[in-house]
C-alpha cells in the first residue's frame, strides 16, 4: 500500500541544531521581536496630539455615510476631498456640507482620509 505524497515531501528537510527546542527562534531574532513589541506598545500608548481637538460624532457619521455612498465613485487611494471634487466634476452633485467640513478640518487626518480599518462601525 503506497502512501499519498505531501507537498512538504518536495522540500529538503532541515535538522535542528543541538540545544534548540522545536519552534524556537534564534537569540537575535527573539531579541528583535521583543524590541518590536516594545516599540508598538509605545506608539499605541501615545495620546492624541494636543493641537487636534476631538471631533463631533455627527461629523464623523456624516463622513462615514459619504464614504459608504457608492454613487460618488470609489474612494480607494484618494482623500475624501479629492473624491468630492471628482464627483463634482462628473456632475454627481456631492453634498456641500461634506466639502465645507473637509476644508474646515483639512489638517486632521481623521477627517481627510477614510479609515479602512479600526473605529466603530467600519
N, C-alpha and C. Protein backbone atom coordinates (compact mmCIF):
# COMPACT_ATOMS: atom_id res chain seq x y z
N UNK A 1 0.85 -1.17 0.00
CA UNK A 1 0.00 0.00 0.00
C UNK A 1 0.90 1.24 0.00
N UNK A 2 0.68 2.11 -0.95
CA UNK A 2 1.53 3.29 -1.11
C UNK A 2 0.87 4.50 -0.43
N UNK A 3 1.70 5.27 0.31
CA UNK A 3 1.17 6.46 0.97
C UNK A 3 1.09 7.59 -0.04
N UNK A 4 0.11 8.48 0.16
CA UNK A 4 -0.01 9.63 -0.74
C UNK A 4 1.11 10.63 -0.44
N UNK A 5 1.54 11.30 -1.48
CA UNK A 5 2.62 12.28 -1.33
C UNK A 5 2.06 13.58 -0.78
N UNK A 6 2.89 14.29 -0.05
CA UNK A 6 2.53 15.58 0.50
C UNK A 6 3.37 16.66 -0.17
N UNK A 7 2.88 17.88 -0.13
CA UNK A 7 3.61 18.99 -0.72
C UNK A 7 4.95 19.18 -0.01
N UNK A 8 4.99 18.90 1.27
CA UNK A 8 6.23 19.08 2.03
C UNK A 8 7.30 18.07 1.66
N UNK A 9 6.92 16.99 0.97
CA UNK A 9 7.91 15.99 0.57
C UNK A 9 8.87 16.53 -0.49
N UNK A 10 8.50 17.58 -1.20
CA UNK A 10 9.34 18.10 -2.26
C UNK A 10 10.39 19.10 -1.74
N UNK A 11 10.32 19.47 -0.47
CA UNK A 11 11.28 20.39 0.11
C UNK A 11 12.30 19.63 0.94
N UNK A 12 13.55 20.10 0.96
CA UNK A 12 14.56 19.41 1.78
C UNK A 12 14.25 19.58 3.26
N UNK A 13 14.57 18.56 4.01
CA UNK A 13 14.36 18.62 5.45
C UNK A 13 15.54 19.33 6.10
N UNK A 14 15.24 20.10 7.14
CA UNK A 14 16.29 20.79 7.88
C UNK A 14 16.38 20.16 9.25
N UNK A 15 17.59 19.97 9.68
CA UNK A 15 17.79 19.41 11.02
C UNK A 15 17.95 20.53 12.03
N UNK A 16 17.42 20.30 13.18
CA UNK A 16 17.57 21.27 14.26
C UNK A 16 18.94 21.07 14.89
N UNK A 17 19.53 22.20 15.25
CA UNK A 17 20.83 22.14 15.90
C UNK A 17 20.69 21.66 17.34
N UNK A 18 21.80 21.26 17.95
CA UNK A 18 21.75 20.79 19.34
C UNK A 18 21.36 21.94 20.28
N UNK A 19 20.52 21.64 21.22
CA UNK A 19 20.13 22.62 22.23
C UNK A 19 19.05 23.58 21.78
N UNK A 20 18.54 23.41 20.59
CA UNK A 20 17.47 24.28 20.11
C UNK A 20 16.15 23.53 20.12
N UNK A 21 15.25 23.88 21.02
CA UNK A 21 13.97 23.18 21.04
C UNK A 21 13.14 23.52 19.81
N UNK A 22 12.25 22.64 19.42
CA UNK A 22 11.43 22.90 18.23
C UNK A 22 10.58 24.16 18.42
N UNK A 23 10.47 24.94 17.34
CA UNK A 23 9.62 26.11 17.37
C UNK A 23 10.26 27.35 17.96
N UNK A 24 11.48 27.30 18.38
CA UNK A 24 12.13 28.46 18.98
C UNK A 24 12.96 29.19 17.93
N UNK A 25 13.01 30.51 18.05
CA UNK A 25 13.80 31.32 17.15
C UNK A 25 15.21 31.47 17.70
N UNK A 26 16.10 31.90 16.86
CA UNK A 26 17.45 32.17 17.32
C UNK A 26 17.41 33.36 18.27
N UNK A 27 18.46 33.50 19.08
CA UNK A 27 18.50 34.54 20.10
C UNK A 27 18.36 35.94 19.51
N UNK A 28 19.04 36.24 18.42
CA UNK A 28 18.98 37.57 17.83
C UNK A 28 17.56 37.90 17.38
N UNK A 29 16.90 36.96 16.76
CA UNK A 29 15.54 37.21 16.31
C UNK A 29 14.60 37.41 17.49
N UNK A 30 14.79 36.62 18.55
CA UNK A 30 13.98 36.80 19.75
C UNK A 30 14.15 38.21 20.30
N UNK A 31 15.39 38.69 20.33
CA UNK A 31 15.68 40.00 20.86
C UNK A 31 15.00 41.07 20.01
N UNK A 32 15.07 40.94 18.68
CA UNK A 32 14.43 41.90 17.79
C UNK A 32 12.91 41.89 17.97
N UNK A 33 12.36 40.70 18.18
CA UNK A 33 10.92 40.56 18.35
C UNK A 33 10.46 41.28 19.62
N UNK A 34 11.22 41.15 20.70
CA UNK A 34 10.89 41.81 21.96
C UNK A 34 10.97 43.32 21.78
N UNK A 35 12.01 43.81 21.11
CA UNK A 35 12.15 45.24 20.89
C UNK A 35 11.00 45.77 20.04
N UNK A 36 10.56 45.02 19.05
CA UNK A 36 9.45 45.42 18.20
C UNK A 36 8.17 45.56 19.02
N UNK A 37 7.92 44.62 19.91
CA UNK A 37 6.72 44.69 20.74
C UNK A 37 6.75 45.94 21.61
N UNK A 38 7.90 46.30 22.14
CA UNK A 38 8.02 47.48 22.98
C UNK A 38 7.73 48.73 22.16
N UNK A 39 8.27 48.80 20.93
CA UNK A 39 8.04 49.97 20.08
C UNK A 39 6.56 50.10 19.74
N UNK A 40 5.90 49.01 19.42
CA UNK A 40 4.48 49.05 19.07
C UNK A 40 3.67 49.51 20.26
N UNK A 41 4.01 49.04 21.43
CA UNK A 41 3.28 49.41 22.62
C UNK A 41 3.42 50.90 22.88
N UNK A 42 4.62 51.43 22.69
CA UNK A 42 4.83 52.86 22.91
C UNK A 42 3.98 53.69 21.96
N UNK A 43 3.87 53.26 20.72
CA UNK A 43 3.08 54.01 19.74
C UNK A 43 1.61 53.97 20.13
N UNK A 44 1.11 52.84 20.55
CA UNK A 44 -0.30 52.72 20.93
C UNK A 44 -0.62 53.54 22.16
N UNK A 45 0.34 53.69 23.07
CA UNK A 45 0.09 54.41 24.31
C UNK A 45 0.19 55.92 24.16
N UNK A 46 0.64 56.41 23.00
CA UNK A 46 0.80 57.85 22.80
C UNK A 46 -0.58 58.51 22.75
N UNK A 47 -0.75 59.60 23.48
CA UNK A 47 -2.03 60.31 23.40
C UNK A 47 -2.12 61.08 22.09
N UNK A 48 -3.32 61.47 21.72
CA UNK A 48 -3.54 62.26 20.51
C UNK A 48 -2.83 63.60 20.67
N UNK A 49 -2.34 64.11 19.56
CA UNK A 49 -1.64 65.40 19.59
C UNK A 49 -2.58 66.46 20.15
N UNK A 50 -2.08 67.33 21.04
CA UNK A 50 -2.96 68.31 21.69
C UNK A 50 -3.53 69.33 20.72
N UNK A 51 -2.92 69.52 19.55
CA UNK A 51 -3.40 70.52 18.61
C UNK A 51 -4.68 70.07 17.89
N UNK A 52 -5.01 68.79 17.95
CA UNK A 52 -6.20 68.30 17.26
C UNK A 52 -7.33 68.07 18.27
N UNK A 53 -8.37 68.90 18.22
CA UNK A 53 -9.48 68.71 19.15
C UNK A 53 -10.28 67.46 18.79
N UNK A 54 -11.02 66.95 19.76
CA UNK A 54 -11.85 65.79 19.47
C UNK A 54 -12.96 66.20 18.50
N UNK A 55 -13.33 65.27 17.65
CA UNK A 55 -14.29 65.57 16.59
C UNK A 55 -15.71 65.27 17.03
N UNK A 56 -16.63 66.01 16.45
CA UNK A 56 -18.05 65.82 16.70
C UNK A 56 -18.49 64.48 16.11
N UNK A 57 -19.15 63.63 16.88
CA UNK A 57 -19.61 62.34 16.35
C UNK A 57 -20.55 62.49 15.15
N UNK A 58 -21.32 63.58 15.10
CA UNK A 58 -22.22 63.80 13.97
C UNK A 58 -21.41 64.05 12.69
N UNK A 59 -20.29 64.75 12.82
CA UNK A 59 -19.42 64.99 11.66
C UNK A 59 -18.84 63.68 11.16
N UNK A 60 -18.36 62.85 12.07
CA UNK A 60 -17.79 61.56 11.67
C UNK A 60 -18.84 60.66 11.03
N UNK A 61 -20.07 60.72 11.53
CA UNK A 61 -21.15 59.92 10.94
C UNK A 61 -21.48 60.41 9.53
N UNK A 62 -21.49 61.74 9.34
CA UNK A 62 -21.75 62.31 8.01
C UNK A 62 -20.65 61.87 7.03
N UNK A 63 -19.40 61.89 7.46
CA UNK A 63 -18.30 61.47 6.60
C UNK A 63 -18.37 59.97 6.31
N UNK A 64 -18.78 59.20 7.31
CA UNK A 64 -18.92 57.75 7.11
C UNK A 64 -19.98 57.46 6.05
N UNK A 65 -21.10 58.18 6.11
CA UNK A 65 -22.15 57.99 5.11
C UNK A 65 -21.67 58.37 3.71
N UNK A 66 -20.85 59.43 3.63
CA UNK A 66 -20.28 59.81 2.35
C UNK A 66 -19.35 58.72 1.83
N UNK A 67 -18.55 58.14 2.72
CA UNK A 67 -17.64 57.06 2.32
C UNK A 67 -18.40 55.84 1.80
N UNK A 68 -19.51 55.52 2.41
CA UNK A 68 -20.25 54.32 2.06
C UNK A 68 -21.19 54.51 0.87
N UNK A 69 -21.33 55.74 0.41
CA UNK A 69 -22.21 56.02 -0.71
C UNK A 69 -21.47 55.78 -2.02
N UNK A 70 -21.88 54.75 -2.75
CA UNK A 70 -21.20 54.38 -3.99
C UNK A 70 -21.52 55.30 -5.16
N UNK A 71 -22.53 56.13 -5.02
CA UNK A 71 -22.91 56.99 -6.15
C UNK A 71 -21.85 58.03 -6.48
N UNK A 72 -20.88 58.27 -5.57
CA UNK A 72 -19.82 59.24 -5.82
C UNK A 72 -18.52 58.58 -6.26
N UNK A 73 -18.56 57.32 -6.55
CA UNK A 73 -17.39 56.61 -7.07
C UNK A 73 -16.54 55.99 -5.97
N UNK A 74 -15.53 55.23 -6.38
CA UNK A 74 -14.68 54.56 -5.39
C UNK A 74 -13.84 55.56 -4.59
N UNK A 75 -13.46 55.14 -3.40
CA UNK A 75 -12.71 56.04 -2.53
C UNK A 75 -11.32 55.49 -2.19
N UNK A 76 -10.88 54.49 -2.88
CA UNK A 76 -9.60 53.87 -2.59
C UNK A 76 -8.46 54.69 -3.19
N UNK A 77 -7.47 55.01 -2.35
CA UNK A 77 -6.26 55.67 -2.82
C UNK A 77 -6.34 57.18 -2.96
N UNK A 78 -7.45 57.79 -2.57
CA UNK A 78 -7.56 59.25 -2.65
C UNK A 78 -8.15 59.78 -1.35
N UNK A 79 -7.98 61.07 -1.14
CA UNK A 79 -8.55 61.69 0.05
C UNK A 79 -10.04 61.91 -0.17
N UNK A 80 -10.73 62.21 0.91
CA UNK A 80 -12.16 62.48 0.79
C UNK A 80 -12.43 63.72 -0.05
N UNK A 81 -11.58 64.73 0.10
CA UNK A 81 -11.77 65.95 -0.68
C UNK A 81 -11.56 65.69 -2.17
N UNK A 82 -10.55 64.90 -2.51
CA UNK A 82 -10.34 64.54 -3.91
C UNK A 82 -11.54 63.79 -4.47
N UNK A 83 -12.10 62.91 -3.67
CA UNK A 83 -13.29 62.17 -4.11
C UNK A 83 -14.48 63.11 -4.31
N UNK A 84 -14.64 64.07 -3.38
CA UNK A 84 -15.73 65.03 -3.50
C UNK A 84 -15.57 65.84 -4.78
N UNK A 85 -14.34 66.34 -5.03
CA UNK A 85 -14.09 67.15 -6.22
C UNK A 85 -14.28 66.35 -7.51
N UNK A 86 -13.88 65.10 -7.52
CA UNK A 86 -14.08 64.25 -8.69
C UNK A 86 -15.57 64.06 -8.96
N UNK A 87 -16.34 63.83 -7.89
CA UNK A 87 -17.78 63.66 -8.05
C UNK A 87 -18.42 64.95 -8.58
N UNK A 88 -17.94 66.10 -8.11
CA UNK A 88 -18.46 67.38 -8.57
C UNK A 88 -18.16 67.58 -10.06
N UNK A 89 -16.93 67.24 -10.48
CA UNK A 89 -16.55 67.37 -11.89
C UNK A 89 -17.39 66.45 -12.80
N UNK A 90 -17.78 65.30 -12.27
CA UNK A 90 -18.57 64.36 -13.05
C UNK A 90 -20.07 64.68 -13.00
N UNK A 91 -20.43 65.75 -12.29
CA UNK A 91 -21.83 66.17 -12.23
C UNK A 91 -22.68 65.30 -11.32
N UNK A 92 -22.09 64.70 -10.30
CA UNK A 92 -22.83 63.79 -9.42
C UNK A 92 -23.45 64.50 -8.22
N UNK A 93 -23.23 65.79 -8.07
CA UNK A 93 -23.81 66.63 -7.01
C UNK A 93 -23.54 66.07 -5.61
N UNK A 94 -22.28 66.02 -5.18
CA UNK A 94 -21.99 65.57 -3.81
C UNK A 94 -22.48 66.63 -2.81
N UNK A 95 -22.76 66.24 -1.58
CA UNK A 95 -23.29 67.18 -0.59
C UNK A 95 -22.30 68.30 -0.26
N UNK A 96 -22.79 69.54 -0.24
CA UNK A 96 -21.97 70.70 0.07
C UNK A 96 -21.40 70.70 1.49
N UNK A 97 -22.17 70.27 2.50
CA UNK A 97 -21.64 70.27 3.86
C UNK A 97 -20.40 69.37 4.03
N UNK A 98 -20.30 68.34 3.20
CA UNK A 98 -19.13 67.46 3.26
C UNK A 98 -17.88 68.27 2.89
N UNK A 99 -17.97 69.03 1.79
CA UNK A 99 -16.81 69.82 1.36
C UNK A 99 -16.44 70.86 2.40
N UNK A 100 -17.43 71.53 2.97
CA UNK A 100 -17.17 72.53 4.00
C UNK A 100 -16.46 71.91 5.20
N UNK A 101 -16.91 70.74 5.62
CA UNK A 101 -16.28 70.06 6.76
C UNK A 101 -14.86 69.64 6.43
N UNK A 102 -14.65 69.16 5.20
CA UNK A 102 -13.31 68.72 4.80
C UNK A 102 -12.35 69.91 4.73
N UNK A 103 -12.81 71.05 4.26
CA UNK A 103 -11.95 72.23 4.20
C UNK A 103 -11.69 72.80 5.59
N UNK A 104 -12.69 72.73 6.46
CA UNK A 104 -12.54 73.25 7.82
C UNK A 104 -11.54 72.44 8.63
N UNK A 105 -11.55 71.12 8.45
CA UNK A 105 -10.67 70.22 9.21
C UNK A 105 -9.58 69.64 8.32
N UNK A 106 -9.04 70.43 7.44
CA UNK A 106 -8.07 69.98 6.45
C UNK A 106 -6.82 69.34 7.08
N UNK A 107 -6.40 69.80 8.25
CA UNK A 107 -5.17 69.30 8.88
C UNK A 107 -5.38 68.05 9.72
N UNK A 108 -6.60 67.61 9.88
CA UNK A 108 -6.90 66.45 10.72
C UNK A 108 -7.02 65.20 9.86
N UNK A 109 -6.09 64.22 10.02
CA UNK A 109 -6.15 63.01 9.18
C UNK A 109 -7.40 62.17 9.42
N UNK A 110 -8.04 62.30 10.58
CA UNK A 110 -9.28 61.55 10.83
C UNK A 110 -10.40 62.03 9.91
N UNK A 111 -10.31 63.27 9.45
CA UNK A 111 -11.32 63.83 8.55
C UNK A 111 -10.87 63.70 7.10
N UNK A 112 -9.60 63.93 6.85
CA UNK A 112 -9.08 63.96 5.48
C UNK A 112 -9.14 62.60 4.81
N UNK A 113 -8.79 61.55 5.54
CA UNK A 113 -8.69 60.22 4.95
C UNK A 113 -9.78 59.31 5.46
N UNK A 114 -10.22 58.42 4.61
CA UNK A 114 -11.15 57.38 5.02
C UNK A 114 -10.36 56.28 5.69
N UNK A 115 -10.72 55.91 6.89
CA UNK A 115 -10.02 54.84 7.61
C UNK A 115 -10.66 53.53 7.24
N UNK A 116 -9.90 52.66 6.65
CA UNK A 116 -10.41 51.37 6.20
C UNK A 116 -10.45 50.39 7.34
N UNK A 117 -9.64 50.56 8.32
CA UNK A 117 -9.59 49.65 9.47
C UNK A 117 -9.80 50.46 10.73
N UNK A 118 -10.15 49.76 11.80
CA UNK A 118 -10.30 50.41 13.10
C UNK A 118 -11.58 51.22 13.18
N UNK A 119 -11.85 51.72 14.35
CA UNK A 119 -13.02 52.56 14.53
C UNK A 119 -14.28 51.73 14.63
N UNK A 120 -15.30 52.32 15.21
CA UNK A 120 -16.56 51.63 15.40
C UNK A 120 -17.39 51.76 14.14
N UNK A 121 -17.94 50.69 13.67
CA UNK A 121 -18.84 50.70 12.54
C UNK A 121 -18.16 50.71 11.18
N UNK A 122 -16.88 50.48 11.13
CA UNK A 122 -16.19 50.50 9.83
C UNK A 122 -16.01 49.11 9.32
